[in-house]
Amino acid sequence: MKKLLLIALTIPNFVLAEDFKLVCEGEESTFRNDVLENTSKATRTLQVKDDLIVIDAMTYKSKTFDYGAIKGSSKYVKDDTQIVLETTQVSNECDTALMNVKLNRSSGMIETASKRIGACDGSSFTTSSKFMGKCCLLYTSPSPRDR
């Protein structure tokens, strides 16, 4: 019983962490006009904080934006069981980019889907990618109460 308790205390658990960094390894499939083009092994890095998430050096948080030619919104939710990110961006009212990320905090399984629908030049095309993998904790920052 003592060994089990020791193991439970020494294994980092990102379910309880406030801010943490993950490395997710898995498989990514890319599509063009809904036809599979390629499948390969891929790695994603995530830095998770209470109000934002950084995925491969791109920062996302809940907000709505309007920069004239580029409009969109993103919704970021972090709770005890999962982390969810949903983004939508429209450029020049004819090019749309969508992204969804779902991370199960207890299993470490991640699933992402991104899609770009282009029609600005008169031709219509769709590119998309799907990533599925398993995330491992790199480090956690101390909680404010531990500082």
C-alpha atoms as a PDB file:
ATOM      1  CA  MET A   1       0.000   0.000   0.000  1.00  0.00           C
ATOM      2  CA  LYS A   2       2.883   2.363   0.805  1.00  0.00           C
ATOM      3  CA  LYS A   3       4.393   1.761  -2.644  1.00  0.00           C
ATOM      4  CA  LEU A   4       1.091   2.564  -4.328  1.00  0.00           C
ATOM      5  CA  LEU A   5       0.796   5.791  -2.348  1.00  0.00           C
ATOM      6  CA  LEU A   6       4.381   6.755  -3.182  1.00  0.00           C
ATOM      7  CA  ILE A   7       3.801   6.138  -6.877  1.00  0.00           C
ATOM      8  CA  ALA A   8       0.592   8.160  -6.824  1.00  0.00           C
ATOM      9  CA  LEU A   9       2.372  11.101  -5.203  1.00  0.00           C
ATOM     10  CA  THR A  10       5.402  11.097  -7.505  1.00  0.00           C
ATOM     11  CA  ILE A  11       3.715  10.685 -10.888  1.00  0.00           C
ATOM     12  CA  PRO A  12       2.777  14.129 -12.249  1.00  0.00           C
ATOM     13  CA  ASN A  13      -0.903  14.426 -12.970  1.00  0.00           C
ATOM     14  CA  PHE A  14      -2.001  17.232 -15.279  1.00  0.00           C
ATOM     15  CA  VAL A  15      -5.599  16.868 -14.108  1.00  0.00           C
ATOM     16  CA  LEU A  16      -4.806  18.994 -11.047  1.00  0.00           C
ATOM     17  CA  ALA A  17      -2.157  21.297 -12.483  1.00  0.00           C
ATOM     18  CA  GLU A  18      -2.947  24.974 -12.991  1.00  0.00           C
ATOM     19  CA  ASP A  19      -0.511  25.779 -15.825  1.00  0.00           C
ATOM     20  CA  PHE A  20       1.239  22.966 -17.642  1.00  0.00           C
ATOM     21  CA  LYS A  21       3.031  22.038 -20.821  1.00  0.00           C
ATOM     22  CA  LEU A  22       2.301  18.891 -22.821  1.00  0.00           C
ATOM     23  CA  VAL A  23       3.916  17.073 -25.696  1.00  0.00           C
ATOM     24  CA  CYS A  24       1.399  15.131 -27.775  1.00  0.00           C
ATOM     25  CA  GLU A  25       2.547  12.418 -30.156  1.00  0.00           C
ATOM     26  CA  GLY A  26       0.244  10.831 -32.663  1.00  0.00           C
ATOM     27  CA  GLU A  27      -0.814  10.584 -36.269  1.00  0.00           C
ATOM     28  CA  GLU A  28      -1.881  13.384 -38.595  1.00  0.00           C
ATOM     29  CA  SER A  29      -3.934  12.911 -41.750  1.00  0.00           C
ATOM     30  CA  THR A  30      -4.193  15.648 -44.380  1.00  0.00           C
ATOM     31  CA  PHE A  31      -6.992  15.960 -46.912  1.00  0.00           C
ATOM     32  CA  ARG A  32      -7.656  18.082 -50.016  1.00  0.00           C
ATOM     33  CA  ASN A  33     -11.277  18.356 -51.158  1.00  0.00           C
ATOM     34  CA  ASP A  34     -12.084  15.590 -48.635  1.00  0.00           C
ATOM     35  CA  VAL A  35      -9.640  13.140 -50.298  1.00  0.00           C
ATOM     36  CA  LEU A  36      -6.882  11.710 -48.075  1.00  0.00           C
ATOM     37  CA  GLU A  37      -3.476  12.936 -49.267  1.00  0.00           C
ATOM     38  CA  ASN A  38      -1.109  11.853 -46.513  1.00  0.00           C
ATOM     39  CA  THR A  39      -0.884  10.268 -43.080  1.00  0.00           C
ATOM     40  CA  SER A  40       2.218  10.645 -40.946  1.00  0.00           C
ATOM     41  CA  LYS A  41       3.467  10.682 -37.373  1.00  0.00           C
ATOM     42  CA  ALA A  42       3.340  14.131 -35.810  1.00  0.00           C
ATOM     43  CA  THR A  43       4.030  15.934 -32.551  1.00  0.00           C
ATOM     44  CA  ARG A  44       2.164  18.885 -31.035  1.00  0.00           C
ATOM     45  CA  THR A  45       3.225  20.973 -28.060  1.00  0.00           C
ATOM     46  CA  LEU A  46       0.617  22.599 -25.852  1.00  0.00           C
ATOM     47  CA  GLN A  47       1.048  25.097 -23.067  1.00  0.00           C
ATOM     48  CA  VAL A  48      -2.167  25.244 -21.077  1.00  0.00           C
ATOM     49  CA  LYS A  49      -3.102  28.138 -18.793  1.00  0.00           C
ATOM     50  CA  ASP A  50      -6.362  29.155 -17.172  1.00  0.00           C
ATOM     51  CA  ASP A  51      -7.277  31.797 -19.764  1.00  0.00           C
ATOM     52  CA  LEU A  52      -5.331  30.694 -22.862  1.00  0.00           C
ATOM     53  CA  ILE A  53      -3.698  27.808 -24.684  1.00  0.00           C
ATOM     54  CA  VAL A  54      -0.589  27.862 -26.860  1.00  0.00           C
ATOM     55  CA  ILE A  55      -0.507  25.199 -29.571  1.00  0.00           C
ATOM     56  CA  ASP A  56       2.738  24.945 -31.540  1.00  0.00           C
ATOM     57  CA  ALA A  57       3.602  28.610 -30.758  1.00  0.00           C
ATOM     58  CA  MET A  58       0.111  29.962 -31.675  1.00  0.00           C
ATOM     59  CA  THR A  59      -1.829  31.518 -28.785  1.00  0.00           C
ATOM     60  CA  TYR A  60      -5.607  31.100 -28.477  1.00  0.00           C
ATOM     61  CA  LYS A  61      -8.071  32.450 -25.914  1.00  0.00           C
ATOM     62  CA  SER A  62     -11.781  33.147 -25.821  1.00  0.00           C
ATOM     63  CA  LYS A  63     -12.475  36.271 -27.842  1.00  0.00           C
ATOM     64  CA  THR A  64     -14.282  37.770 -30.814  1.00  0.00           C
ATOM     65  CA  PHE A  65     -12.291  39.909 -33.232  1.00  0.00           C
ATOM     66  CA  ASP A  66     -12.864  42.132 -36.246  1.00  0.00           C
ATOM     67  CA  TYR A  67      -9.783  43.462 -38.017  1.00  0.00           C
ATOM     68  CA  GLY A  68     -11.652  44.633 -41.096  1.00  0.00           C
ATOM     69  CA  ALA A  69     -10.835  41.995 -43.699  1.00  0.00           C
ATOM     70  CA  ILE A  70     -10.362  39.316 -41.011  1.00  0.00           C
ATOM     71  CA  LYS A  71     -13.154  38.478 -38.595  1.00  0.00           C
ATOM     72  CA  GLY A  72     -13.626  35.591 -36.229  1.00  0.00           C
ATOM     73  CA  SER A  73     -13.973  34.147 -32.796  1.00  0.00           C
ATOM     74  CA  SER A  74     -12.448  31.559 -30.547  1.00  0.00           C
ATOM     75  CA  LYS A  75     -13.827  29.781 -27.512  1.00  0.00           C
ATOM     76  CA  TYR A  76     -11.468  28.202 -24.977  1.00  0.00           C
ATOM     77  CA  VAL A  77     -12.812  26.097 -22.103  1.00  0.00           C
ATOM     78  CA  LYS A  78     -10.670  24.384 -19.465  1.00  0.00           C
ATOM     79  CA  ASP A  79     -12.374  22.356 -16.765  1.00  0.00           C
ATOM     80  CA  ASP A  80     -11.548  19.338 -14.600  1.00  0.00           C
ATOM     81  CA  THR A  81     -12.325  16.761 -17.299  1.00  0.00           C
ATOM     82  CA  GLN A  82     -11.365  18.316 -20.624  1.00  0.00           C
ATOM     83  CA  ILE A  83      -9.901  21.196 -22.560  1.00  0.00           C
ATOM     84  CA  VAL A  84     -11.765  22.416 -25.637  1.00  0.00           C
ATOM     85  CA  LEU A  85     -10.827  25.032 -28.217  1.00  0.00           C
ATOM     86  CA  GLU A  86     -13.055  26.062 -31.129  1.00  0.00           C
ATOM     87  CA  THR A  87     -11.982  28.781 -33.577  1.00  0.00           C
ATOM     88  CA  THR A  88     -13.493  30.354 -36.678  1.00  0.00           C
ATOM     89  CA  GLN A  89     -11.804  32.915 -38.902  1.00  0.00           C
ATOM     90  CA  VAL A  90     -13.113  34.475 -42.130  1.00  0.00           C
ATOM     91  CA  SER A  91     -10.785  36.450 -44.408  1.00  0.00           C
ATOM     92  CA  ASN A  92     -12.160  38.812 -47.072  1.00  0.00           C
ATOM     93  CA  GLU A  93     -15.582  37.146 -46.633  1.00  0.00           C
ATOM     94  CA  CYS A  94     -14.510  34.255 -48.875  1.00  0.00           C
ATOM     95  CA  ASP A  95     -11.811  32.242 -47.073  1.00  0.00           C
ATOM     96  CA  THR A  96     -12.786  30.378 -43.890  1.00  0.00           C
ATOM     97  CA  ALA A  97     -10.522  28.626 -41.392  1.00  0.00           C
ATOM     98  CA  LEU A  98     -11.924  26.408 -38.626  1.00  0.00           C
ATOM     99  CA  MET A  99     -10.155  24.530 -35.830  1.00  0.00           C
ATOM    100  CA  ASN A 100     -11.364  22.272 -33.024  1.00  0.00           C
ATOM    101  CA  VAL A 101      -9.212  20.776 -30.274  1.00  0.00           C
ATOM    102  CA  LYS A 102     -10.414  18.351 -27.600  1.00  0.00           C
ATOM    103  CA  LEU A 103      -8.126  17.038 -24.866  1.00  0.00           C
ATOM    104  CA  ASN A 104      -9.338  14.519 -22.310  1.00  0.00           C
ATOM    105  CA  ARG A 105      -7.501  15.466 -19.116  1.00  0.00           C
ATOM    106  CA  SER A 106      -7.736  12.067 -17.445  1.00  0.00           C
ATOM    107  CA  SER A 107      -6.642   9.890 -20.387  1.00  0.00           C
ATOM    108  CA  GLY A 108      -4.349  12.414 -22.115  1.00  0.00           C
ATOM    109  CA  MET A 109      -5.935  11.668 -25.492  1.00  0.00           C
ATOM    110  CA  ILE A 110      -6.114  14.605 -27.894  1.00  0.00           C
ATOM    111  CA  GLU A 111      -8.054  15.064 -31.105  1.00  0.00           C
ATOM    112  CA  THR A 112      -7.718  18.103 -33.367  1.00  0.00           C
ATOM    113  CA  ALA A 113      -9.383  18.985 -36.632  1.00  0.00           C
ATOM    114  CA  SER A 114      -8.640  21.983 -38.815  1.00  0.00           C
ATOM    115  CA  LYS A 115     -10.246  22.970 -42.079  1.00  0.00           C
ATOM    116  CA  ARG A 116      -9.742  25.733 -44.613  1.00  0.00           C
ATOM    117  CA  ILE A 117     -12.401  26.510 -47.191  1.00  0.00           C
ATOM    118  CA  GLY A 118     -11.140  28.819 -49.924  1.00  0.00           C
ATOM    119  CA  ALA A 119     -13.188  30.543 -52.577  1.00  0.00           C
ATOM    120  CA  CYS A 120     -11.524  33.968 -52.963  1.00  0.00           C
ATOM    121  CA  ASP A 121     -10.141  33.410 -56.454  1.00  0.00           C
ATOM    122  CA  GLY A 122     -13.353  31.976 -57.874  1.00  0.00           C
ATOM    123  CA  SER A 123     -12.279  28.360 -57.459  1.00  0.00           C
ATOM    124  CA  SER A 124     -13.494  26.437 -54.472  1.00  0.00           C
ATOM    125  CA  PHE A 125     -11.217  24.147 -52.488  1.00  0.00           C
ATOM    126  CA  THR A 126     -11.037  22.596 -49.044  1.00  0.00           C
ATOM    127  CA  THR A 127      -7.966  21.514 -47.123  1.00  0.00           C
ATOM    128  CA  SER A 128      -8.140  19.850 -43.757  1.00  0.00           C
ATOM    129  CA  SER A 129      -6.109  17.896 -41.255  1.00  0.00           C
ATOM    130  CA  LYS A 130      -6.900  15.623 -38.347  1.00  0.00           C
ATOM    131  CA  PHE A 131      -4.521  14.806 -35.523  1.00  0.00           C
ATOM    132  CA  MET A 132      -5.097  12.102 -32.913  1.00  0.00           C
ATOM    133  CA  GLY A 133      -2.590  11.315 -30.234  1.00  0.00           C
ATOM    134  CA  LYS A 134      -1.599  10.903 -26.615  1.00  0.00           C
ATOM    135  CA  CYS A 135      -0.220  13.726 -24.497  1.00  0.00           C
ATOM    136  CA  CYS A 136       2.440  13.528 -21.793  1.00  0.00           C
ATOM    137  CA  LEU A 137       3.185  16.140 -19.184  1.00  0.00           C
ATOM    138  CA  LEU A 138       6.447  18.074 -19.598  1.00  0.00           C
ATOM    139  CA  TYR A 139       6.170  20.344 -16.551  1.00  0.00           C
ATOM    140  CA  THR A 140       3.760  22.287 -14.393  1.00  0.00           C
ATOM    141  CA  SER A 141       4.138  25.719 -12.925  1.00  0.00           C
ATOM    142  CA  PRO A 142       3.566  26.095  -9.218  1.00  0.00           C
ATOM    143  CA  SER A 143       0.108  27.155  -8.194  1.00  0.00           C
ATOM    144  CA  PRO A 144      -0.245  30.640  -6.634  1.00  0.00           C
ATOM    145  CA  ARG A 145      -0.881  29.088  -3.218  1.00  0.00           C
ATOM    146  CA  ASP A 146       2.484  27.247  -3.384  1.00  0.00           C
ATOM    147  CA  ARG A 147       4.517  30.391  -4.132  1.00  0.00           C
END
